[in-house]
Amino acid sequence: MKVLAFVLSVLIATALVAAGTALIVIQSPSHSLGLDLVAIFALTVFIYGPLLLGSVTSYWDVRGSAGSRASFRRYLWVVLGIEALAAIAIVVYSVMAGTPIWFPIVFIVGGAVLTVAGLTIGRALHRHEQAHPRADESWRPVSRHEVSRKVLGIAVTFVAIFIVGLVVFGLLGASDGAPSLGDQLTFAFQFATIGAALTAILVSVPLNRRLRSTVGGDFGTIRTVGKVVLGNKEVELDHAGQVAAAKYATIIPTILGFQLSYLTLLYLGLGTQQVRMILGGRNEAFNIGFTILLIAILVAFIPYVVVRIRRARTYAREHGELLASDDSSWPASTP
């Protein structure tokens, strides 16, 4: 059920991004690169902030222990703080761009509604899972064969969608005048990268279940272990906690790799669309600004993830002897 909910949430988020982008382009009488970047920031936060909250509350137990509750409160306040900055940003944009007065209201109210919906749906999904429990995958190292099989699935998805896209866009264009080969290739490539991006997330779902089993699904515990393994933080762990951290460190690099693949493929697809518009003569500030933002996020995100992958692999190597131990009683629930 959660996989279906995730797919639907991604599709809805993509549709909202497209609708929000169209609204910015249509309703803003004045366009400039700097201002459009402000609007893009607000749009992104109002959509993906609630999506993150919904994902966390559906997948992790955010109320099972005192540490979990404290960690989630901090997480929630950070997201709400960024959304408050987005609200200020969209008001500033509206004033400077001369949009109708209802324009910022739609964005702010929409973001608030999505936040409430994300938290409500996420908690409902978690309650459903508790009522119909499904065992997490037991921990085991991620084998090269397993990774190769998942990568092959992503590649096959890309090629299949690319070929179907060429055929479909060719047939559709035949009735309206044959499109250029370049247009057909661009459209097919765009949809293939987005489809492959979604596949990269779906193939990592079993790994996420295996990861969750290392800490019993507790949000506070996974945050603590993440600080130790990925952040090089000095946190005191008992023996069972060290074992869980070592197991976490063997799985998280692969998950982060698939997450990086997802973001890169998704942004490559979105960026292809923007570049096609710019090369087609639509050199609007919004298209240029959106392309710059996509590139900037990737430039910042790729090194950040690579560093965390290296830290996790180093931790796994240095604590490999702990993997012979197993203490399924950790963490203990704290009321």
Foldseek 3Di string as FASTA:
>chain_A
DVLVVLVVLVVVLVVQLVVQLVCCVPFQPDFDQVLLLLSNQLSCLLRVLLVVLLVLLQQFDQPQAPLSVVVVVVVVVVSVVSNVVSLVSVVVSCVVRVGDPCSSVCSNVSSVVSNVVSNVNSNVNNVVCVVVPDAADAFDFQDPVLLVVLVVVLVVQLVVQLVVQLVVLQVVCVVVPGDDPVVSNLRSNLVSLLRSLSSLLVSCVSLVSNLCLLAVRRNSLVVVLLCVQQVVDDDDDDLSSLLSSLSNLRRVLSNLVSNLSNLVSNLVSVLSVLVVCVVVVNVTSNSVSVNVVSVVCNVVVVVSSVSSNVSSVVSNVVSVVSPVDHDSCPPPGHD
